[in-house]
Amino acid sequence: MGPPVVIGIAIMPSAVQPFCQNGDTNPPAALAASPWYAAAPVELQLALQALGRARALDSGQFLFHRGAPTDGLYCLLTGSMRISCVSRLGKEAPLVRLQPGDWFGELALFDDGPRTHDAIASQPCTLWLLPQAALLGWLQQQPQHWRHLGLLLADKTRRLMQGLAQQTLLDIPSRLAQRLWLLSSEQLPELLLSQEELAGMLGISRQSCNAALQTLAANGLLQLARGRIRIANRQALADFGRL
């Protein structure tokens, strides 16, 4: 493995990190707890178990970065990850935070394209990887299961379109509520974000961002501290950000 390469705010290894070497390739209970996995045909579930391998990441470690060739389909088993974009100047714009049971990376199964965003461990985590070649080889023999992979992609596309509508039609406090809901999780309710960063994500001024945060705080949805935002009620935050 070559020397580490500094990209943005984190250190990314110059080669893909090895799989866990503990000899255990059985998927943890978190895999079975995934709604998409639970709804899959039994034959597909068994293939996802048999073809998969575990990976471990330390906090702050890149899983992959934007533009990298795909290596397969992932499920987050434990910990937390964030999907972000990092500019050439190293400025990170977090887009969404993944929780255990979330699957990601399915887009490249359909177009074999490069990664569209950066994936970074927010805390130590383990993942289940379905290598691209192995999964595609199995699907070639069992093409009836492509539809269930399509459902995973369709669900994310539907949520993306809903998010675009919200960003277009909602007022600033509601847009901010939606973004904070996406960035937070039940396991990590506290966000280390400045108001400048949040304003940049939404394309608004810092003054407008501050006013919107005060509105959400006054409604009991969050608590504010310098450089920190603690989500007090994620469900109410989601409701506030709906059309």
Protein backbone atom coordinates (compact mmCIF):
# COMPACT_ATOMS: atom_id res chain seq x y z
CA MET A 1 0.00 0.00 0.00
CA GLY A 2 1.32 3.42 -0.93
CA PRO A 3 1.50 6.50 1.28
CA PRO A 4 -1.77 8.16 2.31
CA VAL A 5 -3.16 10.87 0.08
CA VAL A 6 -4.66 13.95 1.72
CA ILE A 7 -7.98 14.90 0.14
CA GLY A 8 -10.08 17.63 1.67
CA ILE A 9 -10.52 17.24 5.39
CA ALA A 10 -9.65 13.56 5.76
CA ILE A 11 -6.88 11.14 4.92
CA MET A 12 -7.84 8.62 2.28
CA PRO A 13 -5.74 5.49 1.86
CA SER A 14 -4.15 5.26 -1.57
CA ALA A 15 -5.51 1.71 -1.96
CA VAL A 16 -8.71 0.04 -0.84
CA GLN A 17 -8.47 -1.18 2.74
CA PRO A 18 -8.53 -4.96 3.20
CA PHE A 19 -11.57 -6.82 4.42
CA CYS A 20 -11.88 -7.77 8.05
CA GLN A 21 -9.57 -10.67 8.69
CA ASN A 22 -11.49 -12.23 11.55
CA GLY A 23 -12.64 -15.21 9.48
CA ASP A 24 -16.31 -14.39 10.09
CA THR A 25 -18.26 -13.84 6.88
CA ASN A 26 -21.73 -14.28 8.42
CA PRO A 27 -23.82 -11.11 8.18
CA PRO A 28 -24.76 -9.58 11.55
CA ALA A 29 -28.36 -9.12 12.62
CA ALA A 30 -28.33 -5.55 11.25
CA LEU A 31 -28.42 -6.98 7.72
CA ALA A 32 -31.65 -8.87 8.41
CA ALA A 33 -33.07 -5.75 10.06
CA SER A 34 -32.79 -3.78 6.79
CA PRO A 35 -36.32 -3.19 5.38
CA TRP A 36 -35.11 -3.60 1.78
CA TYR A 37 -33.31 -6.85 2.63
CA ALA A 38 -36.25 -8.15 4.66
CA ALA A 39 -38.59 -7.60 1.68
CA ALA A 40 -36.25 -9.38 -0.76
CA PRO A 41 -37.03 -12.88 -2.04
CA VAL A 42 -35.36 -15.58 0.05
CA GLU A 43 -33.15 -16.59 -2.87
CA LEU A 44 -31.80 -13.05 -3.15
CA GLN A 45 -31.30 -12.82 0.62
CA LEU A 46 -29.23 -16.00 0.58
CA ALA A 47 -27.13 -14.67 -2.32
CA LEU A 48 -26.50 -11.38 -0.52
CA GLN A 49 -25.26 -13.36 2.46
CA ALA A 50 -23.12 -15.79 0.46
CA LEU A 51 -21.49 -13.19 -1.82
CA GLY A 52 -20.84 -10.57 0.85
CA ARG A 53 -17.80 -9.73 2.93
CA ALA A 54 -17.41 -7.48 5.97
CA ARG A 55 -15.34 -4.30 6.05
CA ALA A 56 -14.35 -2.09 8.96
CA LEU A 57 -13.57 1.62 8.86
CA ASP A 58 -12.17 3.98 11.48
CA SER A 59 -13.82 7.33 12.18
CA GLY A 60 -12.90 9.86 9.50
CA GLN A 61 -11.77 7.25 6.98
CA PHE A 62 -12.99 7.42 3.40
CA LEU A 63 -14.79 4.36 2.04
CA PHE A 64 -14.64 5.83 -1.45
CA HIS A 65 -14.44 9.25 -3.03
CA ARG A 66 -16.23 10.96 -5.88
CA GLY A 67 -15.06 9.76 -9.27
CA ALA A 68 -13.63 6.47 -7.99
CA PRO A 69 -14.48 3.27 -9.88
CA THR A 70 -17.22 1.27 -8.23
CA ASP A 71 -16.39 -1.81 -6.16
CA GLY A 72 -19.91 -2.98 -5.36
CA LEU A 73 -23.05 -2.58 -3.29
CA TYR A 74 -22.78 -1.73 0.42
CA CYS A 75 -24.95 -2.05 3.51
CA LEU A 76 -24.03 -0.18 6.69
CA LEU A 77 -24.14 -2.64 9.60
CA THR A 78 -22.90 -0.62 12.57
CA GLY A 79 -21.80 2.95 13.16
CA SER A 80 -22.56 5.94 10.96
CA MET A 81 -21.41 7.27 7.60
CA ARG A 82 -21.99 10.51 5.77
CA ILE A 83 -22.35 11.03 2.05
CA SER A 84 -20.68 14.28 1.06
CA CYS A 85 -19.12 16.35 -1.66
CA VAL A 86 -15.65 17.80 -1.09
CA SER A 87 -14.48 20.70 -3.23
CA ARG A 88 -10.98 21.05 -4.68
CA LEU A 89 -10.24 23.46 -1.84
CA GLY A 90 -11.16 20.83 0.74
CA LYS A 91 -14.54 22.25 1.76
CA GLU A 92 -16.98 19.49 2.62
CA ALA A 93 -20.74 19.71 2.06
CA PRO A 94 -22.46 16.81 3.89
CA LEU A 95 -25.58 15.64 2.06
CA VAL A 96 -26.98 12.76 4.10
CA ARG A 97 -26.03 10.58 7.05
CA LEU A 98 -26.41 6.81 6.72
CA GLN A 99 -27.68 4.62 9.56
CA PRO A 100 -27.38 0.86 10.14
CA GLY A 101 -29.52 -1.01 7.63
CA ASP A 102 -29.04 1.58 4.85
CA TRP A 103 -27.88 0.26 1.47
CA PHE A 104 -25.92 2.43 -0.95
CA GLY A 105 -23.88 2.20 -4.14
CA GLU A 106 -26.59 0.52 -6.21
CA LEU A 107 -26.54 3.12 -9.01
CA ALA A 108 -23.32 1.72 -10.50
CA LEU A 109 -24.90 -1.72 -10.77
CA PHE A 110 -27.04 -0.28 -13.57
CA ASP A 111 -24.56 1.97 -15.41
CA ASP A 112 -21.13 0.81 -14.14
CA GLY A 113 -20.30 4.49 -13.65
CA PRO A 114 -17.97 6.04 -11.07
CA ARG A 115 -18.96 7.07 -7.57
CA THR A 116 -20.99 10.27 -7.54
CA HIS A 117 -20.12 11.37 -3.97
CA ASP A 118 -17.69 10.80 -1.13
CA ALA A 119 -18.53 8.27 1.60
CA ILE A 120 -16.81 8.90 4.94
CA ALA A 121 -17.10 7.12 8.30
CA SER A 122 -18.53 9.51 10.90
CA GLN A 123 -17.62 7.00 13.60
CA PRO A 124 -16.09 3.50 13.62
CA CYS A 125 -18.34 1.32 11.48
CA THR A 126 -18.68 -2.03 9.79
CA LEU A 127 -20.15 -2.59 6.35
CA TRP A 128 -21.30 -5.49 4.20
CA LEU A 129 -19.89 -5.36 0.67
CA LEU A 130 -21.33 -7.21 -2.31
CA PRO A 131 -18.45 -7.07 -4.83
CA GLN A 132 -19.57 -5.73 -8.19
CA ALA A 133 -18.32 -8.59 -10.36
CA ALA A 134 -19.68 -11.31 -8.08
CA LEU A 135 -23.11 -9.71 -7.77
CA LEU A 136 -23.42 -8.98 -11.49
CA GLY A 137 -22.34 -12.54 -12.28
CA TRP A 138 -25.04 -13.94 -10.02
CA LEU A 139 -27.69 -11.61 -11.47
CA GLN A 140 -26.77 -12.76 -14.97
CA GLN A 141 -27.78 -16.24 -13.88
CA GLN A 142 -30.81 -15.02 -11.90
CA PRO A 143 -32.12 -11.99 -13.87
CA GLN A 144 -35.53 -12.08 -12.17
CA HIS A 145 -33.94 -10.43 -9.13
CA TRP A 146 -32.95 -7.26 -10.99
CA ARG A 147 -36.39 -5.88 -10.16
CA HIS A 148 -35.69 -5.88 -6.44
CA LEU A 149 -32.42 -4.00 -7.04
CA GLY A 150 -34.46 -1.58 -9.13
CA LEU A 151 -36.81 -1.01 -6.19
CA LEU A 152 -33.86 0.10 -4.08
CA LEU A 153 -32.86 2.64 -6.73
CA ALA A 154 -36.49 3.71 -7.30
CA ASP A 155 -37.00 4.45 -3.61
CA LYS A 156 -33.98 6.77 -3.56
CA THR A 157 -35.06 8.44 -6.80
CA ARG A 158 -38.51 9.07 -5.34
CA ARG A 159 -37.01 10.62 -2.21
CA LEU A 160 -34.67 12.73 -4.33
CA MET A 161 -37.58 14.12 -6.34
CA GLN A 162 -39.49 14.85 -3.15
CA GLY A 163 -36.42 16.64 -1.81
CA LEU A 164 -36.13 18.76 -4.96
CA ALA A 165 -39.77 19.77 -4.62
CA GLN A 166 -39.23 20.67 -0.98
CA GLN A 167 -36.19 22.79 -1.82
CA THR A 168 -38.22 24.63 -4.49
CA LEU A 169 -41.52 25.13 -2.70
CA LEU A 170 -40.74 25.33 1.02
CA ASP A 171 -39.69 28.39 2.97
CA ILE A 172 -36.20 28.64 4.44
CA PRO A 173 -36.99 27.26 7.94
CA SER A 174 -38.72 24.23 6.41
CA ARG A 175 -35.85 23.65 3.96
CA LEU A 176 -33.38 23.87 6.83
CA ALA A 177 -35.44 21.40 8.88
CA GLN A 178 -35.35 18.94 5.99
CA ARG A 179 -31.58 19.24 5.57
CA LEU A 180 -30.91 18.85 9.31
CA TRP A 181 -33.12 15.75 9.35
CA LEU A 182 -31.08 14.26 6.50
CA LEU A 183 -27.78 15.05 8.21
CA SER A 184 -28.74 13.72 11.64
CA SER A 185 -29.62 10.26 12.92
CA GLU A 186 -31.09 8.73 16.06
CA GLN A 187 -27.60 7.50 16.98
CA LEU A 188 -25.94 10.87 16.25
CA PRO A 189 -28.42 13.64 17.11
CA GLU A 190 -25.69 16.28 17.52
CA LEU A 191 -24.19 17.90 14.42
CA LEU A 192 -20.84 19.68 14.41
CA LEU A 193 -21.74 22.31 11.84
CA SER A 194 -21.26 26.05 11.66
CA GLN A 195 -23.99 28.36 10.45
CA GLU A 196 -21.75 29.29 7.52
CA GLU A 197 -21.62 25.64 6.44
CA LEU A 198 -25.38 25.24 6.71
CA ALA A 199 -26.01 28.45 4.81
CA GLY A 200 -23.69 27.26 2.04
CA MET A 201 -25.57 23.95 1.74
CA LEU A 202 -28.87 25.77 1.24
CA GLY A 203 -27.53 28.66 -0.84
CA ILE A 204 -28.73 31.30 1.62
CA SER A 205 -27.06 34.01 3.67
CA ARG A 206 -25.74 33.37 7.17
CA GLN A 207 -28.26 35.87 8.53
CA SER A 208 -31.16 33.96 6.94
CA CYS A 209 -29.75 30.68 8.27
CA ASN A 210 -29.48 32.10 11.79
CA ALA A 211 -33.08 33.35 11.69
CA ALA A 212 -34.31 29.94 10.49
CA LEU A 213 -32.35 28.13 13.22
CA GLN A 214 -33.88 30.40 15.84
CA THR A 215 -37.35 29.57 14.47
CA LEU A 216 -36.68 25.83 14.75
CA ALA A 217 -35.24 26.24 18.24
CA ALA A 218 -38.27 28.27 19.34
CA ASN A 219 -40.46 25.36 18.18
CA GLY A 220 -38.49 22.96 20.38
CA LEU A 221 -36.99 21.05 17.46
CA LEU A 222 -33.32 21.69 18.24
CA GLN A 223 -30.84 23.24 20.66
CA LEU A 224 -28.09 25.59 19.55
CA ALA A 225 -24.53 25.98 20.78
CA ARG A 226 -21.45 27.45 19.15
CA GLY A 227 -20.56 25.19 16.21
CA ARG A 228 -23.06 22.57 17.37
CA ILE A 229 -26.71 21.77 16.69
CA ARG A 230 -28.46 19.14 18.77
CA ILE A 231 -31.66 17.70 17.32
CA ALA A 232 -34.27 17.48 20.05
CA ASN A 233 -37.07 15.80 18.07
CA ARG A 234 -36.22 14.21 14.69
CA GLN A 235 -39.81 13.22 13.91
CA ALA A 236 -41.11 16.73 14.54
CA LEU A 237 -38.20 18.07 12.48
CA ALA A 238 -39.21 15.79 9.57
CA ASP A 239 -42.83 16.91 9.88
CA PHE A 240 -41.79 20.56 9.86
CA GLY A 241 -39.85 20.00 6.63
CA ARG A 242 -42.64 18.28 4.70
CA LEU A 243 -44.65 19.88 1.90
